[in-house]
């Protein structure tokens, strides 16, 4: 008896230790793991910035800088002519607000312009444009370019001394800024919005034809037995016309009536009775 009791106590103790071990594993490992796996990261969203980004400005800023050695000495009026060509109301880009300025070249830019080649010189100029603000266009006056307008890989434009300001302004508007493309895109977006609004309106109000015929038919399946009569005029005036009047602005409606007798079956039954 004592041996059986001791075995039972030993088994009870082992069960208790097993339960405590399992509980310890759940508390020390299971709960922290569950907490870590189910953790939700919450980030404060910049709602004010998002709201401002939703409203795209109708006019985009664009700063154009003319870099020429003739600016400090004021040898000619090309900067003024270029400014007038860009800022004139008749040809001014509708999608941009242009800010124009002019300055002389730096020592580095002067060295590059002396031995100008479009590929090497442009790469050198672009490598120094890291501090140029977004939306800025640099127009370099290059003496060695005769009657040419060259586009660089960056936001740079190289023009010869004998190029007209109106030509440079046209290239800036159409090629560099892409004003006509932006205007056509804006018009396309507006037309899509109008088309969508029209589709929504068509869904709200059903499309109607020029006119509808409403036909009421009295079907008499056994005219030899049933003499059916109906006062369709009174029914139409009492029940149909008020409804038609409420939707008369959508289309025109004509009400007709007829009595249909199933004469085919009548003659067929007469024929069968005659020869049966």
Protein backbone atom coordinates (compact mmCIF):
# COMPACT_ATOMS: atom_id res chain seq x y z
CA UNK A 1 0.00 0.00 0.00
CA UNK A 2 2.78 2.34 0.86
CA UNK A 3 4.50 1.58 -2.43
CA UNK A 4 1.31 2.37 -4.39
CA UNK A 5 0.74 5.59 -2.48
CA UNK A 6 4.31 6.72 -3.08
CA UNK A 7 3.99 6.01 -6.81
CA UNK A 8 0.75 7.98 -6.93
CA UNK A 9 2.31 10.91 -5.13
CA UNK A 10 5.30 10.76 -7.48
CA UNK A 11 2.99 10.81 -10.50
CA UNK A 12 1.01 13.72 -9.09
CA UNK A 13 4.23 15.62 -8.49
CA UNK A 14 5.41 14.94 -12.04
CA UNK A 15 2.11 16.15 -13.44
CA UNK A 16 2.29 19.32 -11.38
CA UNK A 17 5.87 19.94 -12.52
CA UNK A 18 4.84 19.32 -16.13
CA UNK A 19 1.96 21.78 -15.84
CA UNK A 20 4.18 24.38 -14.19
CA UNK A 21 6.85 23.90 -16.87
CA UNK A 22 4.30 24.33 -19.65
CA UNK A 23 2.88 27.42 -17.96
CA UNK A 24 6.39 28.84 -17.53
CA UNK A 25 7.19 28.31 -21.21
CA UNK A 26 3.93 30.00 -22.21
CA UNK A 27 4.53 32.95 -19.89
CA UNK A 28 8.25 33.44 -20.58
CA UNK A 29 8.34 32.60 -24.31
CA UNK A 30 4.83 32.30 -25.74
CA UNK A 31 3.35 35.58 -24.51
CA UNK A 32 6.37 37.76 -25.52
CA UNK A 33 6.49 36.07 -28.93
CA UNK A 34 2.76 36.60 -29.43
CA UNK A 35 3.07 40.23 -28.33
CA UNK A 36 5.94 40.86 -30.75
CA UNK A 37 4.26 39.14 -33.69
CA UNK A 38 0.95 40.94 -33.25
CA UNK A 39 2.42 44.37 -32.65
CA UNK A 40 0.88 47.07 -34.84
CA UNK A 41 3.11 49.93 -35.89
CA UNK A 42 1.29 53.23 -36.07
CA UNK A 43 2.71 56.24 -37.86
CA UNK A 44 1.38 59.77 -37.70
CA UNK A 45 0.41 60.73 -41.24
CA UNK A 46 1.03 64.31 -42.45
CA UNK A 47 -2.62 65.04 -43.15
CA UNK A 48 -2.04 68.74 -43.80
CA UNK A 49 0.66 67.99 -46.37
CA UNK A 50 -1.54 65.37 -48.03
CA UNK A 51 -4.37 67.88 -48.23
CA UNK A 52 -2.13 70.44 -49.89
CA UNK A 53 -0.79 67.86 -52.34
CA UNK A 54 -4.32 66.99 -53.42
CA UNK A 55 -4.81 70.52 -54.74
CA UNK A 56 -2.31 70.81 -57.61
CA UNK A 57 -1.52 74.44 -58.40
CA UNK A 58 -2.85 75.68 -61.72
CA UNK A 59 0.40 77.57 -62.39
CA UNK A 60 3.86 76.04 -61.90
CA UNK A 61 6.91 78.16 -61.07
CA UNK A 62 9.74 78.29 -63.61
CA UNK A 63 12.93 80.30 -63.18
CA UNK A 64 14.95 81.08 -66.30
CA UNK A 65 18.52 82.37 -65.95
CA UNK A 66 20.48 83.76 -68.89
CA UNK A 67 24.25 83.30 -68.50
CA UNK A 68 26.22 85.53 -70.85
CA UNK A 69 29.54 87.38 -70.83
CA UNK A 70 27.80 90.41 -72.27
CA UNK A 71 25.62 90.91 -69.18
CA UNK A 72 28.15 92.81 -66.99
CA UNK A 73 29.17 95.18 -69.78
CA UNK A 74 25.63 95.47 -71.16
CA UNK A 75 26.86 95.24 -74.76
CA UNK A 76 23.53 94.35 -76.32
CA UNK A 77 19.83 94.11 -75.50
CA UNK A 78 19.41 90.35 -75.95
CA UNK A 79 18.52 89.73 -72.28
CA UNK A 80 15.75 92.31 -72.46
CA UNK A 81 14.47 90.90 -75.76
CA UNK A 82 14.51 87.36 -74.38
CA UNK A 83 12.69 88.47 -71.26
CA UNK A 84 10.04 90.19 -73.37
CA UNK A 85 9.73 87.11 -75.60
CA UNK A 86 9.10 84.89 -72.58
CA UNK A 87 6.88 87.24 -70.60
CA UNK A 88 4.69 88.54 -73.44
CA UNK A 89 1.04 87.83 -72.70
CA UNK A 90 0.26 86.48 -76.18
CA UNK A 91 2.91 83.74 -76.04
CA UNK A 92 3.49 83.41 -72.29
CA UNK A 93 3.12 79.78 -71.14
CA UNK A 94 -0.28 79.39 -69.53
CA UNK A 95 0.84 76.60 -67.20
CA UNK A 96 3.90 78.38 -65.81
CA UNK A 97 4.74 81.49 -63.86
CA UNK A 98 8.10 82.54 -65.27
CA UNK A 99 10.72 84.42 -63.29
CA UNK A 100 13.53 85.75 -65.49
CA UNK A 101 17.03 86.86 -64.47
CA UNK A 102 20.46 87.26 -66.07
CA UNK A 103 24.02 87.06 -64.80
CA UNK A 104 27.59 86.73 -65.96
CA UNK A 105 29.35 83.36 -66.12
CA UNK A 106 31.52 82.04 -63.31
CA UNK A 107 35.21 81.33 -63.89
CA UNK A 108 34.43 77.64 -64.39
CA UNK A 109 31.67 78.40 -66.89
CA UNK A 110 33.93 80.82 -68.78
CA UNK A 111 36.60 78.14 -69.19
CA UNK A 112 34.03 75.66 -70.45
CA UNK A 113 32.58 78.12 -72.98
CA UNK A 114 35.98 78.96 -74.51
CA UNK A 115 36.53 75.47 -75.93
CA UNK A 116 32.89 74.47 -76.29
CA UNK A 117 31.84 71.02 -77.49
CA UNK A 118 28.28 69.97 -76.88
CA UNK A 119 29.03 66.61 -75.26
CA UNK A 120 32.07 67.37 -73.09
CA UNK A 121 31.04 70.89 -72.14
CA UNK A 122 27.49 69.87 -71.34
CA UNK A 123 28.70 67.04 -69.09
CA UNK A 124 30.91 69.49 -67.20
CA UNK A 125 28.05 71.96 -66.82
CA UNK A 126 25.61 69.28 -65.64
CA UNK A 127 28.12 68.00 -63.06
CA UNK A 128 28.05 71.45 -61.40
CA UNK A 129 24.24 71.81 -61.40
CA UNK A 130 23.66 69.94 -58.15
CA UNK A 131 22.90 73.21 -56.33
CA UNK A 132 20.46 74.44 -58.99
CA UNK A 133 16.91 74.70 -57.69
CA UNK A 134 14.16 72.58 -59.15
CA UNK A 135 12.37 74.26 -62.03
CA UNK A 136 15.37 76.39 -63.01
CA UNK A 137 16.45 76.57 -66.66
CA UNK A 138 19.91 77.87 -67.55
CA UNK A 139 20.43 79.48 -70.96
CA UNK A 140 24.11 79.85 -71.88
CA UNK A 141 25.22 82.27 -74.56
CA UNK A 142 28.10 80.56 -76.41
CA UNK A 143 30.08 82.75 -78.86
CA UNK A 144 31.28 79.78 -80.93
CA UNK A 145 27.74 78.68 -81.80
CA UNK A 146 26.60 80.52 -84.90
CA UNK A 147 22.85 80.57 -85.37
CA UNK A 148 22.38 77.37 -83.35
CA UNK A 149 20.23 76.41 -80.39
CA UNK A 150 21.42 73.25 -78.65
CA UNK A 151 19.63 71.36 -75.89
CA UNK A 152 21.74 69.90 -73.10
CA UNK A 153 21.12 66.70 -71.17
CA UNK A 154 20.22 68.67 -68.05
CA UNK A 155 18.02 71.73 -67.82
CA UNK A 156 20.46 73.70 -69.95
CA UNK A 157 20.16 75.47 -73.28
CA UNK A 158 23.09 76.70 -75.40
CA UNK A 159 22.46 79.48 -77.92
CA UNK A 160 24.61 81.35 -80.40
CA UNK A 161 25.09 85.12 -80.28
CA UNK A 162 23.13 85.77 -83.50
CA UNK A 163 20.03 83.79 -82.54
CA UNK A 164 16.83 85.78 -82.22
CA UNK A 165 15.25 86.00 -78.79
CA UNK A 166 11.85 84.90 -80.15
CA UNK A 167 13.37 81.62 -81.37
CA UNK A 168 14.91 80.94 -77.97
CA UNK A 169 11.63 81.76 -76.26
CA UNK A 170 9.75 79.34 -78.54
CA UNK A 171 12.21 76.51 -77.77
CA UNK A 172 11.95 77.19 -74.03
CA UNK A 173 8.15 77.18 -74.09
CA UNK A 174 7.51 74.20 -76.36
CA UNK A 175 10.54 71.94 -75.89
CA UNK A 176 11.95 72.59 -72.42
CA UNK A 177 8.79 73.50 -70.53
CA UNK A 178 6.40 71.58 -72.80
CA UNK A 179 3.63 74.10 -72.29
CA UNK A 180 1.48 72.86 -75.19
CA UNK A 181 1.72 69.27 -73.93
CA UNK A 182 0.66 70.33 -70.44
CA UNK A 183 -2.24 72.35 -71.80
CA UNK A 184 -3.45 69.45 -73.95
CA UNK A 185 -3.11 67.09 -70.98
CA UNK A 186 -5.09 69.48 -68.78
CA UNK A 187 -7.80 69.77 -71.45
CA UNK A 188 -7.91 65.98 -71.78
CA UNK A 189 -8.30 65.60 -68.01
CA UNK A 190 -11.08 68.18 -67.95
CA UNK A 191 -12.87 66.47 -70.85
CA UNK A 192 -12.58 63.12 -69.06
CA UNK A 193 -14.09 64.68 -65.94
CA UNK A 194 -16.98 66.12 -67.96
CA UNK A 195 -17.52 62.77 -69.69
CA UNK A 196 -17.58 61.02 -66.32
CA UNK A 197 -20.07 63.56 -64.97
CA UNK A 198 -22.25 63.04 -68.04
CA UNK A 199 -22.13 59.27 -67.57
CA UNK A 200 -23.15 59.67 -63.93
CA UNK A 201 -26.01 61.93 -64.97
CA UNK A 202 -27.11 59.39 -67.56
CA UNK A 203 -27.18 56.76 -64.86
CA UNK A 204 -29.35 58.95 -62.66
CA UNK A 205 -31.83 59.80 -65.43
CA UNK A 206 -32.74 57.01 -67.88
CA UNK A 207 -32.15 57.80 -71.54
CA UNK A 208 -35.39 58.24 -73.45
CA UNK A 209 -36.43 57.85 -77.06
CA UNK A 210 -38.40 60.43 -79.03
CA UNK A 211 -41.68 58.71 -78.28
CA UNK A 212 -43.32 55.60 -76.88
CA UNK A 213 -46.53 53.74 -77.76
CA UNK A 214 -48.45 52.22 -74.85
CA UNK A 215 -50.78 49.47 -76.05
CA UNK A 216 -53.51 47.89 -73.91
CA UNK A 217 -54.87 44.61 -75.26
CA UNK A 218 -57.96 42.69 -74.13
CA UNK A 219 -57.41 39.02 -74.92
CA UNK A 220 -60.54 36.88 -75.21
CA UNK A 221 -59.58 33.19 -75.42
CA UNK A 222 -63.16 31.91 -75.87
CA UNK A 223 -65.13 34.46 -77.87
CA UNK A 224 -67.89 31.89 -78.60
CA UNK A 225 -68.64 31.63 -74.88
CA UNK A 226 -67.46 34.94 -73.43
CA UNK A 227 -68.66 38.38 -74.46
CA UNK A 228 -65.98 40.57 -72.84
CA UNK A 229 -66.41 44.32 -72.57
CA UNK A 230 -64.17 46.93 -70.97
CA UNK A 231 -64.12 50.69 -70.55
CA UNK A 232 -60.46 51.31 -71.33
CA UNK A 233 -60.92 55.07 -71.80
CA UNK A 234 -62.03 55.61 -68.22
CA UNK A 235 -59.21 53.40 -66.92
CA UNK A 236 -56.60 55.32 -68.90
CA UNK A 237 -57.92 58.70 -67.80
CA UNK A 238 -58.08 57.65 -64.15
CA UNK A 239 -54.86 55.71 -63.70
CA UNK A 240 -52.51 56.00 -66.70
CA UNK A 241 -52.69 59.68 -67.63
CA UNK A 242 -51.60 60.98 -64.18
CA UNK A 243 -48.48 58.85 -64.37
CA UNK A 244 -47.74 59.86 -67.97
CA UNK A 245 -48.15 63.50 -67.03
CA UNK A 246 -45.47 63.20 -64.34
CA UNK A 247 -42.90 61.88 -66.86
CA UNK A 248 -44.01 63.87 -69.90
CA UNK A 249 -40.80 65.96 -69.80
CA UNK A 250 -38.76 62.86 -70.67
CA UNK A 251 -40.58 61.87 -73.87
CA UNK A 252 -43.94 61.72 -75.64
CA UNK A 253 -46.42 58.91 -75.06
CA UNK A 254 -49.33 57.60 -77.14
CA UNK A 255 -51.93 55.30 -75.60
CA UNK A 256 -53.71 52.73 -77.78
CA UNK A 257 -56.09 49.85 -77.10
CA UNK A 258 -57.32 46.79 -78.94
CA UNK A 259 -59.41 43.67 -78.43
CA UNK A 260 -57.80 40.39 -79.49
CA UNK A 261 -59.97 37.35 -80.09
CA UNK A 262 -58.41 33.91 -80.29
CA UNK A 263 -60.29 33.05 -83.48
CA UNK A 264 -57.83 30.36 -84.54
CA UNK A 265 -58.85 28.11 -81.71
CA UNK A 266 -62.50 28.96 -82.32
CA UNK A 267 -62.37 27.75 -85.96
CA UNK A 268 -60.23 24.77 -85.02
CA UNK A 269 -62.72 23.60 -82.40
CA UNK A 270 -65.61 24.11 -84.86
CA UNK A 271 -63.79 22.04 -87.46
CA UNK A 272 -63.12 19.22 -85.01
CA UNK A 273 -66.75 19.15 -83.82
CA UNK A 274 -67.96 18.98 -87.42
CA UNK A 275 -65.93 15.90 -88.34
CA UNK A 276 -65.97 14.08 -85.00
